[in-house]
Amino acid sequence: MNPNIPVYLLSGFLGSGKTTLLQRLIAYWQEQGLKPAVIINELGDMNLDGMLVDTKVPTAELLGGCICCTVREDLAGELAMLVERDAPDVIVIEATGAANPIDLLDAATETAMYAGIEIQGLITVADAAHLLEMNRSRGGRTYALMQDQIRCASVILLNKLDRVNEQEQAELEQMIGEWNPYAPILPAIRCEVNPEQLLSTGFSEAYSKQGSLQKTPSGRLTMAGAGHQHVTSYTHRFTQPIDSEQFEQMISTLPREIYRAKGLLTFSDTASRFLFQYAFRELDFIKVTPQENMADMAVFIGEHFSADKLRKRLQALENGEYTA
């Protein structure tokens, strides 16, 4: 099983253009000689979007509920099946428009512990006209969900710009920049965007090259293809056991921007392995006997925390050099 299969999460409200973008990404990867695979989540019991995807592309379905809640337990199985059966080079998970982004990330990164994958980024597609209308009317829960999807994104595709004028586009970019000052905003019509630019703005700290600065109509600068230290998810793989007390100390000092964490650990001062869960600033451990080939790892989920600082603290923990 390839432990490094990149997985991209695709978020956005209903009708924003997610499936159109998915089609473009599939075509791009196929042109590169790669084999993409897709997981499509629908609230209903019929996969309508799946009918628009190339039938040659390995596809799994999560129907009858939202990936972040009612069908989240099915995600691990579907991902593991795709990885083992089809050996894809890259996977895209298209979530239902109602998916809460933090819960979506939570489900996906939990699955990364078992399925041999690497979560690369959360791409949020926003319908320009719809978002503008919702912002002006402050449209309740739908508006709040749109905000959350944008806040948690590693890159934002501002789509359907042919339905707004330049002044409205500038208003949208300023608003989005206030919600998420870290994610690049890529303007598009019918999701026509440079795939390399879109895919080079994920969570991974490997993206460290400086891209070219581009100015939007609002005057806001965006970094094309640039990496940044503000991420939404960070996965750390341990190479050796760690001290349990030092780990608890480290967790107790996590910044509030980190909402959740989970993982599988081997401690140097105990004989058992443990699953840990961290949420609402509380830490729990469960003693487990996992499969032998499961490596120790921890996944941290939050909003724009520094992955680099966290990585250094975890490395110090491994080296027995951690100090609170």
C-alpha atoms as a PDB file:
ATOM      1  CA  MET A   1       0.000   0.000   0.000  1.00  0.00           C
ATOM      2  CA  ASN A   2       1.415   3.387  -1.024  1.00  0.00           C
ATOM      3  CA  PRO A   3       1.577   5.492   2.185  1.00  0.00           C
ATOM      4  CA  ASN A   4       1.759   8.773   0.317  1.00  0.00           C
ATOM      5  CA  ILE A   5      -1.321   8.947  -1.887  1.00  0.00           C
ATOM      6  CA  PRO A   6      -2.371  12.628  -1.876  1.00  0.00           C
ATOM      7  CA  VAL A   7      -6.004  13.365  -1.065  1.00  0.00           C
ATOM      8  CA  TYR A   8      -7.732  16.671  -1.804  1.00  0.00           C
ATOM      9  CA  LEU A   9     -10.973  17.680  -0.106  1.00  0.00           C
ATOM     10  CA  LEU A  10     -13.473  19.589  -2.221  1.00  0.00           C
ATOM     11  CA  SER A  11     -15.902  21.833  -0.360  1.00  0.00           C
ATOM     12  CA  GLY A  12     -18.475  24.429  -1.363  1.00  0.00           C
ATOM     13  CA  PHE A  13     -22.146  25.134  -1.141  1.00  0.00           C
ATOM     14  CA  LEU A  14     -24.718  23.498  -3.391  1.00  0.00           C
ATOM     15  CA  GLY A  15     -24.434  24.709  -6.990  1.00  0.00           C
ATOM     16  CA  SER A  16     -21.095  26.460  -6.516  1.00  0.00           C
ATOM     17  CA  GLY A  17     -19.362  24.425  -9.227  1.00  0.00           C
ATOM     18  CA  LYS A  18     -17.610  21.639  -7.296  1.00  0.00           C
ATOM     19  CA  THR A  19     -18.415  18.930  -9.843  1.00  0.00           C
ATOM     20  CA  THR A  20     -17.254  21.107 -12.735  1.00  0.00           C
ATOM     21  CA  LEU A  21     -13.951  21.639 -10.936  1.00  0.00           C
ATOM     22  CA  LEU A  22     -13.740  17.919 -10.220  1.00  0.00           C
ATOM     23  CA  GLN A  23     -14.093  17.171 -13.938  1.00  0.00           C
ATOM     24  CA  ARG A  24     -11.310  19.643 -14.746  1.00  0.00           C
ATOM     25  CA  LEU A  25      -8.988  18.179 -12.133  1.00  0.00           C
ATOM     26  CA  ILE A  26      -9.589  14.640 -13.386  1.00  0.00           C
ATOM     27  CA  ALA A  27      -8.782  15.708 -16.955  1.00  0.00           C
ATOM     28  CA  TYR A  28      -5.639  17.502 -15.784  1.00  0.00           C
ATOM     29  CA  TRP A  29      -4.308  14.499 -13.875  1.00  0.00           C
ATOM     30  CA  GLN A  30      -5.086  12.145 -16.732  1.00  0.00           C
ATOM     31  CA  GLU A  31      -3.143  14.421 -19.088  1.00  0.00           C
ATOM     32  CA  GLN A  32      -0.213  14.101 -16.672  1.00  0.00           C
ATOM     33  CA  GLY A  33      -0.392  10.320 -16.982  1.00  0.00           C
ATOM     34  CA  LEU A  34      -1.762   9.938 -13.446  1.00  0.00           C
ATOM     35  CA  LYS A  35      -4.630   7.777 -12.241  1.00  0.00           C
ATOM     36  CA  PRO A  36      -7.157   9.772 -10.185  1.00  0.00           C
ATOM     37  CA  ALA A  37      -9.909   8.305  -8.016  1.00  0.00           C
ATOM     38  CA  VAL A  38     -12.976  10.005  -6.556  1.00  0.00           C
ATOM     39  CA  ILE A  39     -15.225   9.711  -3.517  1.00  0.00           C
ATOM     40  CA  ILE A  40     -18.536  11.529  -3.933  1.00  0.00           C
ATOM     41  CA  ASN A  41     -20.811  12.303  -0.987  1.00  0.00           C
ATOM     42  CA  GLU A  42     -24.539  12.939  -1.498  1.00  0.00           C
ATOM     43  CA  LEU A  43     -27.239  13.628   1.072  1.00  0.00           C
ATOM     44  CA  GLY A  44     -29.722  11.634  -0.988  1.00  0.00           C
ATOM     45  CA  ASP A  45     -29.684   7.972  -1.963  1.00  0.00           C
ATOM     46  CA  MET A  46     -28.694   8.607  -5.589  1.00  0.00           C
ATOM     47  CA  ASN A  47     -25.301   9.782  -6.851  1.00  0.00           C
ATOM     48  CA  LEU A  48     -26.287  12.351  -9.455  1.00  0.00           C
ATOM     49  CA  ASP A  49     -22.893  14.063  -9.568  1.00  0.00           C
ATOM     50  CA  GLY A  50     -21.246  10.717 -10.179  1.00  0.00           C
ATOM     51  CA  MET A  51     -23.024  10.487 -13.497  1.00  0.00           C
ATOM     52  CA  LEU A  52     -20.948  13.459 -14.678  1.00  0.00           C
ATOM     53  CA  VAL A  53     -17.604  11.849 -13.850  1.00  0.00           C
ATOM     54  CA  ASP A  54     -15.597   9.855 -16.400  1.00  0.00           C
ATOM     55  CA  THR A  55     -16.724   6.243 -16.067  1.00  0.00           C
ATOM     56  CA  LYS A  56     -13.095   5.098 -16.343  1.00  0.00           C
ATOM     57  CA  VAL A  57     -12.246   6.865 -13.086  1.00  0.00           C
ATOM     58  CA  PRO A  58     -12.437   4.644  -9.965  1.00  0.00           C
ATOM     59  CA  THR A  59     -15.282   6.075  -7.906  1.00  0.00           C
ATOM     60  CA  ALA A  60     -16.756   5.353  -4.494  1.00  0.00           C
ATOM     61  CA  GLU A  61     -20.069   6.662  -3.198  1.00  0.00           C
ATOM     62  CA  LEU A  62     -21.160   7.829   0.236  1.00  0.00           C
ATOM     63  CA  LEU A  63     -24.915   8.245  -0.043  1.00  0.00           C
ATOM     64  CA  GLY A  64     -27.780   8.998   2.289  1.00  0.00           C
ATOM     65  CA  GLY A  65     -25.996  11.382   4.638  1.00  0.00           C
ATOM     66  CA  CYS A  66     -23.231  13.878   5.170  1.00  0.00           C
ATOM     67  CA  ILE A  67     -19.614  12.723   5.230  1.00  0.00           C
ATOM     68  CA  CYS A  68     -18.949  14.767   8.368  1.00  0.00           C
ATOM     69  CA  CYS A  69     -21.613  13.084  10.484  1.00  0.00           C
ATOM     70  CA  THR A  70     -24.011  10.286   9.492  1.00  0.00           C
ATOM     71  CA  VAL A  71     -21.781   8.452   6.983  1.00  0.00           C
ATOM     72  CA  ARG A  72     -18.344   9.407   8.308  1.00  0.00           C
ATOM     73  CA  GLU A  73     -17.661   5.863   9.498  1.00  0.00           C
ATOM     74  CA  ASP A  74     -18.021   4.654   5.901  1.00  0.00           C
ATOM     75  CA  LEU A  75     -15.259   6.972   4.698  1.00  0.00           C
ATOM     76  CA  ALA A  76     -12.387   4.846   6.023  1.00  0.00           C
ATOM     77  CA  GLY A  77     -13.735   1.750   4.311  1.00  0.00           C
ATOM     78  CA  GLU A  78     -14.293   3.449   0.971  1.00  0.00           C
ATOM     79  CA  LEU A  79     -10.850   5.063   1.006  1.00  0.00           C
ATOM     80  CA  ALA A  80      -9.120   1.842   1.978  1.00  0.00           C
ATOM     81  CA  MET A  81     -10.990   0.007  -0.789  1.00  0.00           C
ATOM     82  CA  LEU A  82      -9.944   2.553  -3.413  1.00  0.00           C
ATOM     83  CA  VAL A  83      -6.322   2.445  -2.296  1.00  0.00           C
ATOM     84  CA  GLU A  84      -6.111  -1.358  -2.240  1.00  0.00           C
ATOM     85  CA  ARG A  85      -8.275  -2.179  -5.261  1.00  0.00           C
ATOM     86  CA  ASP A  86      -7.393   0.616  -7.680  1.00  0.00           C
ATOM     87  CA  ALA A  87      -3.978   1.936  -6.512  1.00  0.00           C
ATOM     88  CA  PRO A  88      -4.709   5.514  -7.617  1.00  0.00           C
ATOM     89  CA  ASP A  89      -2.085   8.240  -7.778  1.00  0.00           C
ATOM     90  CA  VAL A  90      -4.395  10.878  -6.296  1.00  0.00           C
ATOM     91  CA  ILE A  91      -7.850  10.953  -4.676  1.00  0.00           C
ATOM     92  CA  VAL A  92     -10.473  13.703  -4.500  1.00  0.00           C
ATOM     93  CA  ILE A  93     -13.261  13.674  -1.917  1.00  0.00           C
ATOM     94  CA  GLU A  94     -16.204  15.810  -3.061  1.00  0.00           C
ATOM     95  CA  ALA A  95     -18.306  16.549   0.011  1.00  0.00           C
ATOM     96  CA  THR A  96     -21.952  17.477   0.036  1.00  0.00           C
ATOM     97  CA  GLY A  97     -22.552  21.214   0.135  1.00  0.00           C
ATOM     98  CA  ALA A  98     -23.938  20.867   3.652  1.00  0.00           C
ATOM     99  CA  ALA A  99     -20.688  19.479   5.069  1.00  0.00           C
ATOM    100  CA  ASN A 100     -19.194  21.319   8.016  1.00  0.00           C
ATOM    101  CA  PRO A 101     -15.525  21.843   7.067  1.00  0.00           C
ATOM    102  CA  ILE A 102     -14.023  21.149  10.499  1.00  0.00           C
ATOM    103  CA  ASP A 103     -15.993  17.893  10.804  1.00  0.00           C
ATOM    104  CA  LEU A 104     -15.049  17.028   7.216  1.00  0.00           C
ATOM    105  CA  LEU A 105     -11.369  17.514   8.030  1.00  0.00           C
ATOM    106  CA  ASP A 106     -11.821  15.570  11.240  1.00  0.00           C
ATOM    107  CA  ALA A 107     -13.288  12.583   9.390  1.00  0.00           C
ATOM    108  CA  ALA A 108     -10.711  12.673   6.608  1.00  0.00           C
ATOM    109  CA  THR A 109      -7.650  13.022   8.823  1.00  0.00           C
ATOM    110  CA  GLU A 110      -8.905  10.255  11.113  1.00  0.00           C
ATOM    111  CA  THR A 111      -9.138   8.026   8.054  1.00  0.00           C
ATOM    112  CA  ALA A 112      -5.559   8.972   7.112  1.00  0.00           C
ATOM    113  CA  MET A 113      -4.431   6.971  10.131  1.00  0.00           C
ATOM    114  CA  TYR A 114      -5.632   3.755   8.521  1.00  0.00           C
ATOM    115  CA  ALA A 115      -5.820   4.161   4.753  1.00  0.00           C
ATOM    116  CA  GLY A 116      -2.279   5.123   3.693  1.00  0.00           C
ATOM    117  CA  ILE A 117      -3.126   8.622   2.454  1.00  0.00           C
ATOM    118  CA  GLU A 118      -1.947  12.220   2.948  1.00  0.00           C
ATOM    119  CA  ILE A 119      -4.511  15.029   3.185  1.00  0.00           C
ATOM    120  CA  GLN A 120      -3.151  17.785   0.928  1.00  0.00           C
ATOM    121  CA  GLY A 121      -5.668  20.593   1.154  1.00  0.00           C
ATOM    122  CA  LEU A 122      -9.228  21.807   1.398  1.00  0.00           C
ATOM    123  CA  ILE A 123     -10.372  23.505  -1.799  1.00  0.00           C
ATOM    124  CA  THR A 124     -13.500  25.623  -1.319  1.00  0.00           C
ATOM    125  CA  VAL A 125     -15.540  26.695  -4.337  1.00  0.00           C
ATOM    126  CA  ALA A 126     -17.700  29.797  -3.819  1.00  0.00           C
ATOM    127  CA  ASP A 127     -20.487  30.990  -6.110  1.00  0.00           C
ATOM    128  CA  ALA A 128     -19.737  34.724  -6.369  1.00  0.00           C
ATOM    129  CA  ALA A 129     -23.297  35.953  -6.896  1.00  0.00           C
ATOM    130  CA  HIS A 130     -24.816  33.663  -4.292  1.00  0.00           C
ATOM    131  CA  LEU A 131     -22.168  34.535  -1.720  1.00  0.00           C
ATOM    132  CA  LEU A 132     -22.668  38.254  -2.337  1.00  0.00           C
ATOM    133  CA  GLU A 133     -26.424  37.917  -1.929  1.00  0.00           C
ATOM    134  CA  MET A 134     -26.056  35.911   1.278  1.00  0.00           C
ATOM    135  CA  ASN A 135     -23.586  38.406   2.703  1.00  0.00           C
ATOM    136  CA  ARG A 136     -25.912  41.324   2.062  1.00  0.00           C
ATOM    137  CA  SER A 137     -28.904  39.543   3.559  1.00  0.00           C
ATOM    138  CA  ARG A 138     -26.949  37.761   6.343  1.00  0.00           C
ATOM    139  CA  GLY A 139     -28.749  34.540   5.433  1.00  0.00           C
ATOM    140  CA  GLY A 140     -28.788  32.564   8.668  1.00  0.00           C
ATOM    141  CA  ARG A 141     -27.331  29.072   8.892  1.00  0.00           C
ATOM    142  CA  THR A 142     -26.545  28.857   5.178  1.00  0.00           C
ATOM    143  CA  TYR A 143     -24.486  32.028   5.388  1.00  0.00           C
ATOM    144  CA  ALA A 144     -22.689  30.769   8.492  1.00  0.00           C
ATOM    145  CA  LEU A 145     -21.830  27.500   6.721  1.00  0.00           C
ATOM    146  CA  MET A 146     -20.446  29.408   3.739  1.00  0.00           C
ATOM    147  CA  GLN A 147     -18.265  31.433   6.098  1.00  0.00           C
ATOM    148  CA  ASP A 148     -16.964  28.273   7.774  1.00  0.00           C
ATOM    149  CA  GLN A 149     -16.174  26.628   4.431  1.00  0.00           C
ATOM    150  CA  ILE A 150     -14.149  29.676   3.414  1.00  0.00           C
ATOM    151  CA  ARG A 151     -12.421  30.130   6.774  1.00  0.00           C
ATOM    152  CA  CYS A 152     -11.137  26.557   6.755  1.00  0.00           C
ATOM    153  CA  ALA A 153      -9.976  26.521   3.136  1.00  0.00           C
ATOM    154  CA  SER A 154      -6.378  26.247   2.033  1.00  0.00           C
ATOM    155  CA  VAL A 155      -7.363  27.789  -1.309  1.00  0.00           C
ATOM    156  CA  ILE A 156     -10.601  29.487  -2.428  1.00  0.00           C
ATOM    157  CA  LEU A 157     -11.952  29.349  -5.972  1.00  0.00           C
ATOM    158  CA  LEU A 158     -14.200  32.387  -6.435  1.00  0.00           C
ATOM    159  CA  ASN A 159     -16.351  31.029  -9.236  1.00  0.00           C
ATOM    160  CA  LYS A 160     -19.038  32.380 -11.601  1.00  0.00           C
ATOM    161  CA  LEU A 161     -17.505  35.854 -11.743  1.00  0.00           C
ATOM    162  CA  ASP A 162     -19.420  36.514 -14.961  1.00  0.00           C
ATOM    163  CA  ARG A 163     -22.469  37.026 -12.722  1.00  0.00           C
ATOM    164  CA  VAL A 164     -20.984  39.980 -10.799  1.00  0.00           C
ATOM    165  CA  ASN A 165     -19.322  43.239 -11.831  1.00  0.00           C
ATOM    166  CA  GLU A 166     -15.785  44.365 -10.961  1.00  0.00           C
ATOM    167  CA  GLN A 167     -16.920  46.422  -7.979  1.00  0.00           C
ATOM    168  CA  GLU A 168     -18.831  43.449  -6.577  1.00  0.00           C
ATOM    169  CA  GLN A 169     -15.834  41.180  -7.186  1.00  0.00           C
ATOM    170  CA  ALA A 170     -13.645  43.585  -5.232  1.00  0.00           C
ATOM    171  CA  GLU A 171     -16.227  43.590  -2.422  1.00  0.00           C
ATOM    172  CA  LEU A 172     -16.217  39.796  -2.341  1.00  0.00           C
ATOM    173  CA  GLU A 173     -12.434  39.518  -2.308  1.00  0.00           C
ATOM    174  CA  GLN A 174     -12.153  42.000   0.535  1.00  0.00           C
ATOM    175  CA  MET A 175     -14.801  40.114   2.513  1.00  0.00           C
ATOM    176  CA  ILE A 176     -13.202  36.705   1.889  1.00  0.00           C
ATOM    177  CA  GLY A 177      -9.800  38.120   2.783  1.00  0.00           C
ATOM    178  CA  GLU A 178     -11.161  39.218   6.149  1.00  0.00           C
ATOM    179  CA  TRP A 179     -12.617  35.762   6.825  1.00  0.00           C
ATOM    180  CA  ASN A 180      -9.489  33.923   5.697  1.00  0.00           C
ATOM    181  CA  PRO A 181      -6.416  36.135   5.228  1.00  0.00           C
ATOM    182  CA  TYR A 182      -4.166  33.137   4.522  1.00  0.00           C
ATOM    183  CA  ALA A 183      -5.776  31.278   1.630  1.00  0.00           C
ATOM    184  CA  PRO A 184      -5.140  32.469  -1.940  1.00  0.00           C
ATOM    185  CA  ILE A 185      -8.268  33.572  -3.827  1.00  0.00           C
ATOM    186  CA  LEU A 186      -8.384  32.305  -7.404  1.00  0.00           C
ATOM    187  CA  PRO A 187     -11.002  34.059  -9.601  1.00  0.00           C
ATOM    188  CA  ALA A 188     -12.740  31.867 -12.168  1.00  0.00           C
ATOM    189  CA  ILE A 189     -15.616  31.477 -14.590  1.00  0.00           C
ATOM    190  CA  ARG A 190     -16.939  27.917 -14.966  1.00  0.00           C
ATOM    191  CA  CYS A 191     -14.026  26.796 -12.758  1.00  0.00           C
ATOM    192  CA  GLU A 192     -11.442  27.568 -15.418  1.00  0.00           C
ATOM    193  CA  VAL A 193      -8.268  27.844 -13.378  1.00  0.00           C
ATOM    194  CA  ASN A 194      -4.633  26.815 -13.643  1.00  0.00           C
ATOM    195  CA  PRO A 195      -4.612  23.396 -11.908  1.00  0.00           C
ATOM    196  CA  GLU A 196      -0.960  23.723 -10.890  1.00  0.00           C
ATOM    197  CA  GLN A 197      -1.710  26.991  -9.131  1.00  0.00           C
ATOM    198  CA  LEU A 198      -4.769  25.508  -7.461  1.00  0.00           C
ATOM    199  CA  LEU A 199      -3.028  22.355  -6.242  1.00  0.00           C
ATOM    200  CA  SER A 200       0.146  24.019  -4.981  1.00  0.00           C
ATOM    201  CA  THR A 201      -1.589  25.752  -2.081  1.00  0.00           C
ATOM    202  CA  GLY A 202      -2.360  22.853   0.233  1.00  0.00           C
ATOM    203  CA  PHE A 203      -1.629  22.126   3.885  1.00  0.00           C
ATOM    204  CA  SER A 204       1.693  20.434   3.290  1.00  0.00           C
ATOM    205  CA  GLU A 205       4.763  22.235   4.561  1.00  0.00           C
ATOM    206  CA  ALA A 206       6.537  20.831   1.506  1.00  0.00           C
ATOM    207  CA  TYR A 207       5.102  23.693  -0.530  1.00  0.00           C
ATOM    208  CA  SER A 208       7.751  26.228   0.387  1.00  0.00           C
ATOM    209  CA  LYS A 209       8.530  27.836  -2.959  1.00  0.00           C
ATOM    210  CA  GLN A 210       7.669  31.480  -3.332  1.00  0.00           C
ATOM    211  CA  GLY A 211       5.185  32.040  -6.114  1.00  0.00           C
ATOM    212  CA  SER A 212       4.476  35.220  -8.024  1.00  0.00           C
ATOM    213  CA  LEU A 213       2.399  37.919  -6.395  1.00  0.00           C
ATOM    214  CA  GLN A 214      -0.835  38.775  -8.161  1.00  0.00           C
ATOM    215  CA  LYS A 215      -3.101  41.732  -7.526  1.00  0.00           C
ATOM    216  CA  THR A 216      -6.868  41.256  -7.472  1.00  0.00           C
ATOM    217  CA  PRO A 217      -9.374  43.945  -8.559  1.00  0.00           C
ATOM    218  CA  SER A 218      -9.727  44.971  -4.917  1.00  0.00           C
ATOM    219  CA  GLY A 219      -5.999  45.576  -4.711  1.00  0.00           C
ATOM    220  CA  ARG A 220      -5.455  42.556  -2.462  1.00  0.00           C
ATOM    221  CA  LEU A 221      -2.236  40.653  -3.165  1.00  0.00           C
ATOM    222  CA  THR A 222      -2.360  36.890  -3.470  1.00  0.00           C
ATOM    223  CA  MET A 223       0.641  34.584  -3.650  1.00  0.00           C
ATOM    224  CA  ALA A 224       0.334  32.191  -6.555  1.00  0.00           C
ATOM    225  CA  GLY A 225       1.684  28.795  -5.595  1.00  0.00           C
ATOM    226  CA  ALA A 226       3.172  29.975  -2.320  1.00  0.00           C
ATOM    227  CA  GLY A 227       3.401  27.925   0.832  1.00  0.00           C
ATOM    228  CA  HIS A 228       2.527  29.366   4.225  1.00  0.00           C
ATOM    229  CA  GLN A 229       2.786  28.323   7.830  1.00  0.00           C
ATOM    230  CA  HIS A 230      -0.943  28.700   8.509  1.00  0.00           C
ATOM    231  CA  VAL A 231      -2.651  25.388   7.933  1.00  0.00           C
ATOM    232  CA  THR A 232      -5.863  23.642   8.790  1.00  0.00           C
ATOM    233  CA  SER A 233      -4.509  20.153   9.339  1.00  0.00           C
ATOM    234  CA  TYR A 234      -1.115  18.722  10.260  1.00  0.00           C
ATOM    235  CA  THR A 235      -0.143  15.036  10.452  1.00  0.00           C
ATOM    236  CA  HIS A 236       2.946  13.949  12.370  1.00  0.00           C
ATOM    237  CA  ARG A 237       4.404  10.452  12.137  1.00  0.00           C
ATOM    238  CA  PHE A 238       6.498   9.351  15.085  1.00  0.00           C
ATOM    239  CA  THR A 239       9.688   7.362  14.627  1.00  0.00           C
ATOM    240  CA  GLN A 240      10.005   6.186  18.231  1.00  0.00           C
ATOM    241  CA  PRO A 241       8.068   5.982  21.528  1.00  0.00           C
ATOM    242  CA  ILE A 242       7.553   9.158  23.541  1.00  0.00           C
ATOM    243  CA  ASP A 243       7.164   9.960  27.221  1.00  0.00           C
ATOM    244  CA  SER A 244       3.487  10.024  28.254  1.00  0.00           C
ATOM    245  CA  GLU A 245       3.835  12.811  30.831  1.00  0.00           C
ATOM    246  CA  GLN A 246       5.721  15.050  28.410  1.00  0.00           C
ATOM    247  CA  PHE A 247       3.063  14.384  25.780  1.00  0.00           C
ATOM    248  CA  GLU A 248       0.291  15.427  28.173  1.00  0.00           C
ATOM    249  CA  GLN A 249       2.240  18.576  29.038  1.00  0.00           C
ATOM    250  CA  MET A 250       2.644  19.396  25.360  1.00  0.00           C
ATOM    251  CA  ILE A 251      -1.059  18.884  24.668  1.00  0.00           C
ATOM    252  CA  SER A 252      -2.026  21.103  27.610  1.00  0.00           C
ATOM    253  CA  THR A 253      -0.130  24.009  26.037  1.00  0.00           C
ATOM    254  CA  LEU A 254      -1.559  23.711  22.513  1.00  0.00           C
ATOM    255  CA  PRO A 255      -2.777  27.037  21.098  1.00  0.00           C
ATOM    256  CA  ARG A 256      -6.521  27.601  21.075  1.00  0.00           C
ATOM    257  CA  GLU A 257      -6.422  27.652  17.272  1.00  0.00           C
ATOM    258  CA  ILE A 258      -6.022  23.868  17.419  1.00  0.00           C
ATOM    259  CA  TYR A 259      -9.520  22.502  17.959  1.00  0.00           C
ATOM    260  CA  ARG A 260      -9.012  18.769  17.702  1.00  0.00           C
ATOM    261  CA  ALA A 261      -6.278  16.157  17.691  1.00  0.00           C
ATOM    262  CA  LYS A 262      -6.185  12.381  17.575  1.00  0.00           C
ATOM    263  CA  GLY A 263      -3.742   9.626  16.935  1.00  0.00           C
ATOM    264  CA  LEU A 264      -2.074   6.340  17.806  1.00  0.00           C
ATOM    265  CA  LEU A 265       0.871   6.436  20.223  1.00  0.00           C
ATOM    266  CA  THR A 266       3.466   4.192  21.832  1.00  0.00           C
ATOM    267  CA  PHE A 267       4.783   5.503  25.137  1.00  0.00           C
ATOM    268  CA  SER A 268       8.267   4.805  26.446  1.00  0.00           C
ATOM    269  CA  ASP A 269       6.983   4.485  30.012  1.00  0.00           C
ATOM    270  CA  THR A 270       4.081   2.065  29.396  1.00  0.00           C
ATOM    271  CA  ALA A 271       3.753  -1.335  27.778  1.00  0.00           C
ATOM    272  CA  SER A 272       0.572  -0.639  25.797  1.00  0.00           C
ATOM    273  CA  ARG A 273      -0.313   1.459  22.755  1.00  0.00           C
ATOM    274  CA  PHE A 274      -3.028   4.090  22.990  1.00  0.00           C
ATOM    275  CA  LEU A 275      -5.468   5.978  20.832  1.00  0.00           C
ATOM    276  CA  PHE A 276      -5.776   9.561  22.024  1.00  0.00           C
ATOM    277  CA  GLN A 277      -8.530  12.108  21.409  1.00  0.00           C
ATOM    278  CA  TYR A 278      -8.251  15.831  22.111  1.00  0.00           C
ATOM    279  CA  ALA A 279     -11.308  18.085  21.825  1.00  0.00           C
ATOM    280  CA  PHE A 280     -12.591  21.130  23.684  1.00  0.00           C
ATOM    281  CA  ARG A 281      -9.220  21.244  25.482  1.00  0.00           C
ATOM    282  CA  GLU A 282      -9.745  17.811  27.039  1.00  0.00           C
ATOM    283  CA  LEU A 283      -7.526  14.772  26.449  1.00  0.00           C
ATOM    284  CA  ASP A 284      -8.627  11.118  26.558  1.00  0.00           C
ATOM    285  CA  PHE A 285      -6.721   7.859  26.046  1.00  0.00           C
ATOM    286  CA  ILE A 286      -7.983   4.422  25.024  1.00  0.00           C
ATOM    287  CA  LYS A 287      -5.750   1.342  25.301  1.00  0.00           C
ATOM    288  CA  VAL A 288      -5.716  -0.546  21.983  1.00  0.00           C
ATOM    289  CA  THR A 289      -4.019  -3.457  20.233  1.00  0.00           C
ATOM    290  CA  PRO A 290      -3.734  -2.245  16.631  1.00  0.00           C
ATOM    291  CA  GLN A 291      -2.418  -4.134  13.644  1.00  0.00           C
ATOM    292  CA  GLU A 292       1.356  -4.453  13.657  1.00  0.00           C
ATOM    293  CA  ASN A 293       1.820  -2.387  10.508  1.00  0.00           C
ATOM    294  CA  MET A 294       0.059   0.677  11.932  1.00  0.00           C
ATOM    295  CA  ALA A 295       2.580   3.421  12.603  1.00  0.00           C
ATOM    296  CA  ASP A 296       2.392   5.886  15.488  1.00  0.00           C
ATOM    297  CA  MET A 297       0.986   9.190  14.341  1.00  0.00           C
ATOM    298  CA  ALA A 298      -0.967  12.233  15.452  1.00  0.00           C
ATOM    299  CA  VAL A 299      -3.303  14.504  13.509  1.00  0.00           C
ATOM    300  CA  PHE A 300      -4.001  18.095  14.547  1.00  0.00           C
ATOM    301  CA  ILE A 301      -6.931  20.105  13.208  1.00  0.00           C
ATOM    302  CA  GLY A 302      -7.548  23.797  13.635  1.00  0.00           C
ATOM    303  CA  GLU A 303      -7.760  27.185  12.026  1.00  0.00           C
ATOM    304  CA  HIS A 304      -4.524  28.782  10.803  1.00  0.00           C
ATOM    305  CA  PHE A 305      -2.108  27.502  13.429  1.00  0.00           C
ATOM    306  CA  SER A 306       1.630  27.182  12.774  1.00  0.00           C
ATOM    307  CA  ALA A 307       2.445  23.665  11.586  1.00  0.00           C
ATOM    308  CA  ASP A 308       6.160  24.451  11.727  1.00  0.00           C
ATOM    309  CA  LYS A 309       6.105  25.327  15.447  1.00  0.00           C
ATOM    310  CA  LEU A 310       4.008  22.268  16.214  1.00  0.00           C
ATOM    311  CA  ARG A 311       6.348  20.012  14.228  1.00  0.00           C
ATOM    312  CA  LYS A 312       9.381  21.295  16.160  1.00  0.00           C
ATOM    313  CA  ARG A 313       7.662  20.653  19.499  1.00  0.00           C
ATOM    314  CA  LEU A 314       6.769  17.108  18.474  1.00  0.00           C
ATOM    315  CA  GLN A 315      10.304  16.433  17.258  1.00  0.00           C
ATOM    316  CA  ALA A 316      11.652  17.678  20.580  1.00  0.00           C
ATOM    317  CA  LEU A 317       9.229  15.315  22.293  1.00  0.00           C
ATOM    318  CA  GLU A 318      10.575  12.398  20.267  1.00  0.00           C
ATOM    319  CA  ASN A 319      14.162  13.356  21.038  1.00  0.00           C
ATOM    320  CA  GLY A 320      13.474  13.630  24.765  1.00  0.00           C
ATOM    321  CA  GLU A 321      14.270  17.353  24.627  1.00  0.00           C
ATOM    322  CA  TYR A 322      10.797  18.766  25.193  1.00  0.00           C
ATOM    323  CA  THR A 323      10.338  21.493  27.794  1.00  0.00           C
ATOM    324  CA  ALA A 324       6.990  23.131  28.487  1.00  0.00           C
END
